[in-house]
Amino acid sequence: MRRFLGHHIFSSLTRRILFLNLAGLAVLVTGILYLNTFRDGLIDARVESLMTQGEIIAGAIAASATVETDSISIDPEKLL
């Protein structure tokens, strides 16, 4: 009775199909998790790049600004 219930419930073909489907699912989940962490790294690099660009632009604007008694004026020609 055990032989009938244990070995013949899943045929060899069924076991192969299940194994390949589970292996494909594992590869898909692993790929999604890897790409998610890679994407997070790209987002962090982009934010850092934008911060650096903002500091450069702020420095350029500050260098071309002149302070008068009541206002701060920026000469656009000095920016170029």
PDB file of N, CA and C in Angstrom:
ATOM      1  N   MET A   1       0.820  -1.193   0.000  1.00  0.00           N
ATOM      2  CA  MET A   1       0.000   0.000   0.000  1.00  0.00           C
ATOM      3  C   MET A   1       0.873   1.271   0.000  1.00  0.00           C
ATOM      4  N   ARG A   2       1.964   1.280   0.759  1.00  0.00           N
ATOM      5  CA  ARG A   2       2.842   2.452   0.809  1.00  0.00           C
ATOM      6  C   ARG A   2       3.452   2.732  -0.554  1.00  0.00           C
ATOM      7  N   ARG A   3       3.832   1.696  -1.243  1.00  0.00           N
ATOM      8  CA  ARG A   3       4.428   1.875  -2.564  1.00  0.00           C
ATOM      9  C   ARG A   3       3.424   2.543  -3.509  1.00  0.00           C
ATOM     10  N   PHE A   4       2.198   2.147  -3.396  1.00  0.00           N
ATOM     11  CA  PHE A   4       1.174   2.725  -4.259  1.00  0.00           C
ATOM     12  C   PHE A   4       0.947   4.202  -3.914  1.00  0.00           C
ATOM     13  N   LEU A   5       0.867   4.529  -2.642  1.00  0.00           N
ATOM     14  CA  LEU A   5       0.591   5.904  -2.237  1.00  0.00           C
ATOM     15  C   LEU A   5       1.831   6.786  -2.320  1.00  0.00           C
ATOM     16  N   GLY A   6       3.009   6.270  -2.010  1.00  0.00           N
ATOM     17  CA  GLY A   6       4.206   7.079  -1.932  1.00  0.00           C
ATOM     18  C   GLY A   6       4.832   7.386  -3.269  1.00  0.00           C
ATOM     19  N   HIS A   7       4.911   6.452  -4.154  1.00  0.00           N
ATOM     20  CA  HIS A   7       5.677   6.641  -5.375  1.00  0.00           C
ATOM     21  C   HIS A   7       4.833   6.917  -6.613  1.00  0.00           C
ATOM     22  N   HIS A   8       3.597   6.591  -6.577  1.00  0.00           N
ATOM     23  CA  HIS A   8       2.797   6.724  -7.786  1.00  0.00           C
ATOM     24  C   HIS A   8       1.845   7.917  -7.763  1.00  0.00           C
ATOM     25  N   ILE A   9       1.852   8.681  -6.692  1.00  0.00           N
ATOM     26  CA  ILE A   9       1.000   9.866  -6.671  1.00  0.00           C
ATOM     27  C   ILE A   9       1.549  10.898  -7.654  1.00  0.00           C
ATOM     28  N   PHE A  10       2.866  11.108  -7.609  1.00  0.00           N
ATOM     29  CA  PHE A  10       3.514  12.019  -8.537  1.00  0.00           C
ATOM     30  C   PHE A  10       4.379  11.213  -9.487  1.00  0.00           C
ATOM     31  N   SER A  11       4.082  11.316 -10.744  1.00  0.00           N
ATOM     32  CA  SER A  11       4.906  10.610 -11.719  1.00  0.00           C
ATOM     33  C   SER A  11       6.216  11.362 -11.909  1.00  0.00           C
ATOM     34  N   SER A  12       7.123  10.767 -12.615  1.00  0.00           N
ATOM     35  CA  SER A  12       8.426  11.376 -12.866  1.00  0.00           C
ATOM     36  C   SER A  12       8.260  12.694 -13.624  1.00  0.00           C
ATOM     37  N   LEU A  13       7.380  12.726 -14.577  1.00  0.00           N
ATOM     38  CA  LEU A  13       7.143  13.941 -15.349  1.00  0.00           C
ATOM     39  C   LEU A  13       6.567  15.052 -14.468  1.00  0.00           C
ATOM     40  N   THR A  14       5.648  14.697 -13.587  1.00  0.00           N
ATOM     41  CA  THR A  14       5.055  15.683 -12.683  1.00  0.00           C
ATOM     42  C   THR A  14       6.107  16.277 -11.758  1.00  0.00           C
ATOM     43  N   ARG A  15       6.995  15.435 -11.229  1.00  0.00           N
ATOM     44  CA  ARG A  15       8.062  15.929 -10.359  1.00  0.00           C
ATOM     45  C   ARG A  15       8.997  16.862 -11.116  1.00  0.00           C
ATOM     46  N   ARG A  16       9.317  16.541 -12.344  1.00  0.00           N
ATOM     47  CA  ARG A  16      10.186  17.404 -13.147  1.00  0.00           C
ATOM     48  C   ARG A  16       9.528  18.758 -13.406  1.00  0.00           C
ATOM     49  N   ILE A  17       8.257  18.728 -13.752  1.00  0.00           N
ATOM     50  CA  ILE A  17       7.532  19.974 -14.011  1.00  0.00           C
ATOM     51  C   ILE A  17       7.486  20.834 -12.750  1.00  0.00           C
ATOM     52  N   LEU A  18       7.166  20.229 -11.612  1.00  0.00           N
ATOM     53  CA  LEU A  18       7.126  20.976 -10.358  1.00  0.00           C
ATOM     54  C   LEU A  18       8.496  21.554 -10.008  1.00  0.00           C
ATOM     55  N   PHE A  19       9.546  20.753 -10.173  1.00  0.00           N
ATOM     56  CA  PHE A  19      10.896  21.224  -9.867  1.00  0.00           C
ATOM     57  C   PHE A  19      11.279  22.402 -10.754  1.00  0.00           C
ATOM     58  N   LEU A  20      11.022  22.301 -12.047  1.00  0.00           N
ATOM     59  CA  LEU A  20      11.381  23.385 -12.957  1.00  0.00           C
ATOM     60  C   LEU A  20      10.563  24.648 -12.693  1.00  0.00           C
ATOM     61  N   ASN A  21       9.301  24.490 -12.361  1.00  0.00           N
ATOM     62  CA  ASN A  21       8.475  25.656 -12.032  1.00  0.00           C
ATOM     63  C   ASN A  21       8.962  26.337 -10.754  1.00  0.00           C
ATOM     64  N   LEU A  22       9.300  25.539  -9.740  1.00  0.00           N
ATOM     65  CA  LEU A  22       9.809  26.115  -8.498  1.00  0.00           C
ATOM     66  C   LEU A  22      11.174  26.762  -8.704  1.00  0.00           C
ATOM     67  N   ALA A  23      12.021  26.149  -9.532  1.00  0.00           N
ATOM     68  CA  ALA A  23      13.333  26.732  -9.826  1.00  0.00           C
ATOM     69  C   ALA A  23      13.167  28.057 -10.579  1.00  0.00           C
ATOM     70  N   GLY A  24      12.263  28.098 -11.535  1.00  0.00           N
ATOM     71  CA  GLY A  24      12.001  29.339 -12.263  1.00  0.00           C
ATOM     72  C   GLY A  24      11.461  30.425 -11.350  1.00  0.00           C
ATOM     73  N   LEU A  25      10.588  30.058 -10.445  1.00  0.00           N
ATOM     74  CA  LEU A  25      10.048  31.016  -9.484  1.00  0.00           C
ATOM     75  C   LEU A  25      11.150  31.544  -8.567  1.00  0.00           C
ATOM     76  N   ALA A  26      12.038  30.667  -8.130  1.00  0.00           N
ATOM     77  CA  ALA A  26      13.154  31.088  -7.274  1.00  0.00           C
ATOM     78  C   ALA A  26      14.074  32.052  -8.016  1.00  0.00           C
ATOM     79  N   VAL A  27      14.359  31.782  -9.284  1.00  0.00           N
ATOM     80  CA  VAL A  27      15.203  32.678 -10.080  1.00  0.00           C
ATOM     81  C   VAL A  27      14.515  34.032 -10.243  1.00  0.00           C
ATOM     82  N   LEU A  28      13.232  34.041 -10.493  1.00  0.00           N
ATOM     83  CA  LEU A  28      12.480  35.285 -10.654  1.00  0.00           C
ATOM     84  C   LEU A  28      12.495  36.120  -9.374  1.00  0.00           C
ATOM     85  N   VAL A  29      12.228  35.493  -8.242  1.00  0.00           N
ATOM     86  CA  VAL A  29      12.211  36.212  -6.966  1.00  0.00           C
ATOM     87  C   VAL A  29      13.602  36.742  -6.632  1.00  0.00           C
ATOM     88  N   THR A  30      14.631  35.931  -6.862  1.00  0.00           N
ATOM     89  CA  THR A  30      16.004  36.371  -6.608  1.00  0.00           C
ATOM     90  C   THR A  30      16.361  37.561  -7.497  1.00  0.00           C
ATOM     91  N   GLY A  31      15.981  37.511  -8.755  1.00  0.00           N
ATOM     92  CA  GLY A  31      16.246  38.617  -9.670  1.00  0.00           C
ATOM     93  C   GLY A  31      15.544  39.894  -9.256  1.00  0.00           C
ATOM     94  N   ILE A  32      14.312  39.783  -8.821  1.00  0.00           N
ATOM     95  CA  ILE A  32      13.562  40.961  -8.378  1.00  0.00           C
ATOM     96  C   ILE A  32      14.210  41.579  -7.147  1.00  0.00           C
ATOM     97  N   LEU A  33      14.613  40.740  -6.190  1.00  0.00           N
ATOM     98  CA  LEU A  33      15.258  41.262  -4.986  1.00  0.00           C
ATOM     99  C   LEU A  33      16.590  41.923  -5.312  1.00  0.00           C
ATOM    100  N   TYR A  34      17.361  41.328  -6.215  1.00  0.00           N
ATOM    101  CA  TYR A  34      18.652  41.907  -6.599  1.00  0.00           C
ATOM    102  C   TYR A  34      18.454  43.245  -7.306  1.00  0.00           C
ATOM    103  N   LEU A  35      17.526  43.293  -8.245  1.00  0.00           N
ATOM    104  CA  LEU A  35      17.295  44.536  -8.979  1.00  0.00           C
ATOM    105  C   LEU A  35      16.741  45.630  -8.079  1.00  0.00           C
ATOM    106  N   ASN A  36      15.974  45.247  -7.066  1.00  0.00           N
ATOM    107  CA  ASN A  36      15.439  46.240  -6.140  1.00  0.00           C
ATOM    108  C   ASN A  36      16.566  46.908  -5.353  1.00  0.00           C
ATOM    109  N   THR A  37      17.534  46.126  -4.881  1.00  0.00           N
ATOM    110  CA  THR A  37      18.658  46.715  -4.151  1.00  0.00           C
ATOM    111  C   THR A  37      19.545  47.524  -5.093  1.00  0.00           C
ATOM    112  N   PHE A  38      19.704  47.067  -6.324  1.00  0.00           N
ATOM    113  CA  PHE A  38      20.497  47.801  -7.307  1.00  0.00           C
ATOM    114  C   PHE A  38      19.841  49.139  -7.622  1.00  0.00           C
ATOM    115  N   ARG A  39      18.530  49.137  -7.737  1.00  0.00           N
ATOM    116  CA  ARG A  39      17.782  50.369  -8.014  1.00  0.00           C
ATOM    117  C   ARG A  39      17.910  51.351  -6.857  1.00  0.00           C
ATOM    118  N   ASP A  40      17.861  50.844  -5.630  1.00  0.00           N
ATOM    119  CA  ASP A  40      18.045  51.718  -4.469  1.00  0.00           C
ATOM    120  C   ASP A  40      19.414  52.392  -4.501  1.00  0.00           C
ATOM    121  N   GLY A  41      20.432  51.642  -4.913  1.00  0.00           N
ATOM    122  CA  GLY A  41      21.771  52.221  -5.033  1.00  0.00           C
ATOM    123  C   GLY A  41      21.825  53.304  -6.094  1.00  0.00           C
ATOM    124  N   LEU A  42      21.136  53.083  -7.204  1.00  0.00           N
ATOM    125  CA  LEU A  42      21.096  54.094  -8.261  1.00  0.00           C
ATOM    126  C   LEU A  42      20.376  55.358  -7.804  1.00  0.00           C
ATOM    127  N   ILE A  43      19.317  55.192  -7.050  1.00  0.00           N
ATOM    128  CA  ILE A  43      18.579  56.350  -6.542  1.00  0.00           C
ATOM    129  C   ILE A  43      19.452  57.146  -5.583  1.00  0.00           C
ATOM    130  N   ASP A  44      20.174  56.454  -4.705  1.00  0.00           N
ATOM    131  CA  ASP A  44      21.067  57.154  -3.774  1.00  0.00           C
ATOM    132  C   ASP A  44      22.164  57.907  -4.519  1.00  0.00           C
ATOM    133  N   ALA A  45      22.714  57.297  -5.561  1.00  0.00           N
ATOM    134  CA  ALA A  45      23.757  57.962  -6.350  1.00  0.00           C
ATOM    135  C   ALA A  45      23.193  59.188  -7.060  1.00  0.00           C
ATOM    136  N   ARG A  46      21.978  59.097  -7.547  1.00  0.00           N
ATOM    137  CA  ARG A  46      21.350  60.230  -8.229  1.00  0.00           C
ATOM    138  C   ARG A  46      21.110  61.388  -7.265  1.00  0.00           C
ATOM    139  N   VAL A  47      20.636  61.074  -6.064  1.00  0.00           N
ATOM    140  CA  VAL A  47      20.399  62.117  -5.060  1.00  0.00           C
ATOM    141  C   VAL A  47      21.714  62.796  -4.695  1.00  0.00           C
ATOM    142  N   GLU A  48      22.763  62.015  -4.510  1.00  0.00           N
ATOM    143  CA  GLU A  48      24.072  62.589  -4.190  1.00  0.00           C
ATOM    144  C   GLU A  48      24.579  63.479  -5.328  1.00  0.00           C
ATOM    145  N   SER A  49      24.364  63.051  -6.562  1.00  0.00           N
ATOM    146  CA  SER A  49      24.773  63.844  -7.719  1.00  0.00           C
ATOM    147  C   SER A  49      24.011  65.166  -7.776  1.00  0.00           C
ATOM    148  N   LEU A  50      22.722  65.125  -7.522  1.00  0.00           N
ATOM    149  CA  LEU A  50      21.919  66.354  -7.532  1.00  0.00           C
ATOM    150  C   LEU A  50      22.332  67.306  -6.412  1.00  0.00           C
ATOM    151  N   MET A  51      22.678  66.756  -5.259  1.00  0.00           N
ATOM    152  CA  MET A  51      23.150  67.604  -4.161  1.00  0.00           C
ATOM    153  C   MET A  51      24.459  68.297  -4.538  1.00  0.00           C
ATOM    154  N   THR A  52      25.359  67.566  -5.157  1.00  0.00           N
ATOM    155  CA  THR A  52      26.637  68.146  -5.579  1.00  0.00           C
ATOM    156  C   THR A  52      26.419  69.226  -6.628  1.00  0.00           C
ATOM    157  N   GLN A  53      25.550  68.964  -7.587  1.00  0.00           N
ATOM    158  CA  GLN A  53      25.257  69.963  -8.619  1.00  0.00           C
ATOM    159  C   GLN A  53      24.633  71.212  -8.004  1.00  0.00           C
ATOM    160  N   GLY A  54      23.757  71.024  -7.030  1.00  0.00           N
ATOM    161  CA  GLY A  54      23.143  72.165  -6.351  1.00  0.00           C
ATOM    162  C   GLY A  54      24.172  73.009  -5.617  1.00  0.00           C
ATOM    163  N   GLU A  55      25.136  72.341  -4.976  1.00  0.00           N
ATOM    164  CA  GLU A  55      26.195  73.082  -4.283  1.00  0.00           C
ATOM    165  C   GLU A  55      27.057  73.864  -5.267  1.00  0.00           C
ATOM    166  N   ILE A  56      27.345  73.273  -6.417  1.00  0.00           N
ATOM    167  CA  ILE A  56      28.143  73.963  -7.438  1.00  0.00           C
ATOM    168  C   ILE A  56      27.399  75.182  -7.968  1.00  0.00           C
ATOM    169  N   ILE A  57      26.119  75.012  -8.262  1.00  0.00           N
ATOM    170  CA  ILE A  57      25.316  76.129  -8.777  1.00  0.00           C
ATOM    171  C   ILE A  57      25.178  77.222  -7.725  1.00  0.00           C
ATOM    172  N   ALA A  58      24.958  76.823  -6.469  1.00  0.00           N
ATOM    173  CA  ALA A  58      24.846  77.820  -5.400  1.00  0.00           C
ATOM    174  C   ALA A  58      26.150  78.584  -5.230  1.00  0.00           C
ATOM    175  N   GLY A  59      27.269  77.889  -5.343  1.00  0.00           N
ATOM    176  CA  GLY A  59      28.564  78.562  -5.243  1.00  0.00           C
ATOM    177  C   GLY A  59      28.786  79.538  -6.376  1.00  0.00           C
ATOM    178  N   ALA A  60      28.381  79.169  -7.578  1.00  0.00           N
ATOM    179  CA  ALA A  60      28.541  80.061  -8.732  1.00  0.00           C
ATOM    180  C   ALA A  60      27.670  81.296  -8.595  1.00  0.00           C
ATOM    181  N   ILE A  61      26.453  81.113  -8.125  1.00  0.00           N
ATOM    182  CA  ILE A  61      25.559  82.264  -7.946  1.00  0.00           C
ATOM    183  C   ILE A  61      26.088  83.168  -6.838  1.00  0.00           C
ATOM    184  N   ALA A  62      26.559  82.570  -5.755  1.00  0.00           N
ATOM    185  CA  ALA A  62      27.082  83.372  -4.646  1.00  0.00           C
ATOM    186  C   ALA A  62      28.336  84.139  -5.058  1.00  0.00           C
ATOM    187  N   ALA A  63      29.158  83.548  -5.917  1.00  0.00           N
ATOM    188  CA  ALA A  63      30.381  84.223  -6.351  1.00  0.00           C
ATOM    189  C   ALA A  63      30.081  85.409  -7.258  1.00  0.00           C
ATOM    190  N   SER A  64      28.974  85.351  -7.985  1.00  0.00           N
ATOM    191  CA  SER A  64      28.656  86.447  -8.907  1.00  0.00           C
ATOM    192  C   SER A  64      27.749  87.497  -8.286  1.00  0.00           C
ATOM    193  N   ALA A  65      27.321  87.275  -7.059  1.00  0.00           N
ATOM    194  CA  ALA A  65      26.413  88.228  -6.409  1.00  0.00           C
ATOM    195  C   ALA A  65      27.211  89.363  -5.778  1.00  0.00           C
ATOM    196  N   THR A  66      26.624  90.531  -5.830  1.00  0.00           N
ATOM    197  CA  THR A  66      27.216  91.698  -5.165  1.00  0.00           C
ATOM    198  C   THR A  66      26.226  92.216  -4.139  1.00  0.00           C
ATOM    199  N   VAL A  67      26.737  92.569  -2.995  1.00  0.00           N
ATOM    200  CA  VAL A  67      25.874  93.045  -1.917  1.00  0.00           C
ATOM    201  C   VAL A  67      25.913  94.564  -1.904  1.00  0.00           C
ATOM    202  N   GLU A  68      24.747  95.139  -2.010  1.00  0.00           N
ATOM    203  CA  GLU A  68      24.604  96.585  -1.878  1.00  0.00           C
ATOM    204  C   GLU A  68      23.917  96.849  -0.545  1.00  0.00           C
ATOM    205  N   THR A  69      23.619  98.055  -0.266  1.00  0.00           N
ATOM    206  CA  THR A  69      23.080  98.391   1.054  1.00  0.00           C
ATOM    207  C   THR A  69      21.722  97.759   1.330  1.00  0.00           C
ATOM    208  N   ASP A  70      20.832  97.773   0.358  1.00  0.00           N
ATOM    209  CA  ASP A  70      19.483  97.285   0.608  1.00  0.00           C
ATOM    210  C   ASP A  70      19.148  95.986  -0.113  1.00  0.00           C
ATOM    211  N   SER A  71      19.956  95.571  -1.041  1.00  0.00           N
ATOM    212  CA  SER A  71      19.590  94.387  -1.819  1.00  0.00           C
ATOM    213  C   SER A  71      20.833  93.640  -2.282  1.00  0.00           C
ATOM    214  N   ILE A  72      20.585  92.441  -2.725  1.00  0.00           N
ATOM    215  CA  ILE A  72      21.640  91.618  -3.314  1.00  0.00           C
ATOM    216  C   ILE A  72      21.343  91.518  -4.795  1.00  0.00           C
ATOM    217  N   SER A  73      22.295  91.852  -5.630  1.00  0.00           N
ATOM    218  CA  SER A  73      22.070  91.766  -7.075  1.00  0.00           C
ATOM    219  C   SER A  73      23.018  90.731  -7.672  1.00  0.00           C
ATOM    220  N   ILE A  74      22.516  90.044  -8.670  1.00  0.00           N
ATOM    221  CA  ILE A  74      23.285  89.004  -9.355  1.00  0.00           C
ATOM    222  C   ILE A  74      23.479  89.441 -10.790  1.00  0.00           C
ATOM    223  N   ASP A  75      24.716  89.445 -11.227  1.00  0.00           N
ATOM    224  CA  ASP A  75      25.041  89.815 -12.603  1.00  0.00           C
ATOM    225  C   ASP A  75      25.064  88.544 -13.446  1.00  0.00           C
ATOM    226  N   PRO A  76      24.092  88.361 -14.358  1.00  0.00           N
ATOM    227  CA  PRO A  76      24.044  87.138 -15.166  1.00  0.00           C
ATOM    228  C   PRO A  76      25.266  86.950 -16.051  1.00  0.00           C
ATOM    229  N   GLU A  77      25.914  88.033 -16.434  1.00  0.00           N
ATOM    230  CA  GLU A  77      27.093  87.926 -17.295  1.00  0.00           C
ATOM    231  C   GLU A  77      28.252  87.253 -16.568  1.00  0.00           C
ATOM    232  N   LYS A  78      28.340  87.438 -15.272  1.00  0.00           N
ATOM    233  CA  LYS A  78      29.406  86.807 -14.501  1.00  0.00           C
ATOM    234  C   LYS A  78      29.195  85.298 -14.361  1.00  0.00           C
ATOM    235  N   LEU A  79      27.965  84.839 -14.501  1.00  0.00           N
ATOM    236  CA  LEU A  79      27.669  83.409 -14.395  1.00  0.00           C
ATOM    237  C   LEU A  79      28.167  82.641 -15.605  1.00  0.00           C
ATOM    238  N   LEU A  80      28.248  83.300 -16.747  1.00  0.00           N
ATOM    239  CA  LEU A  80      28.683  82.630 -17.962  1.00  0.00           C
ATOM    240  C   LEU A  80      30.168  82.654 -18.004  1.00  0.00           C
TER     241      LEU A  80
END
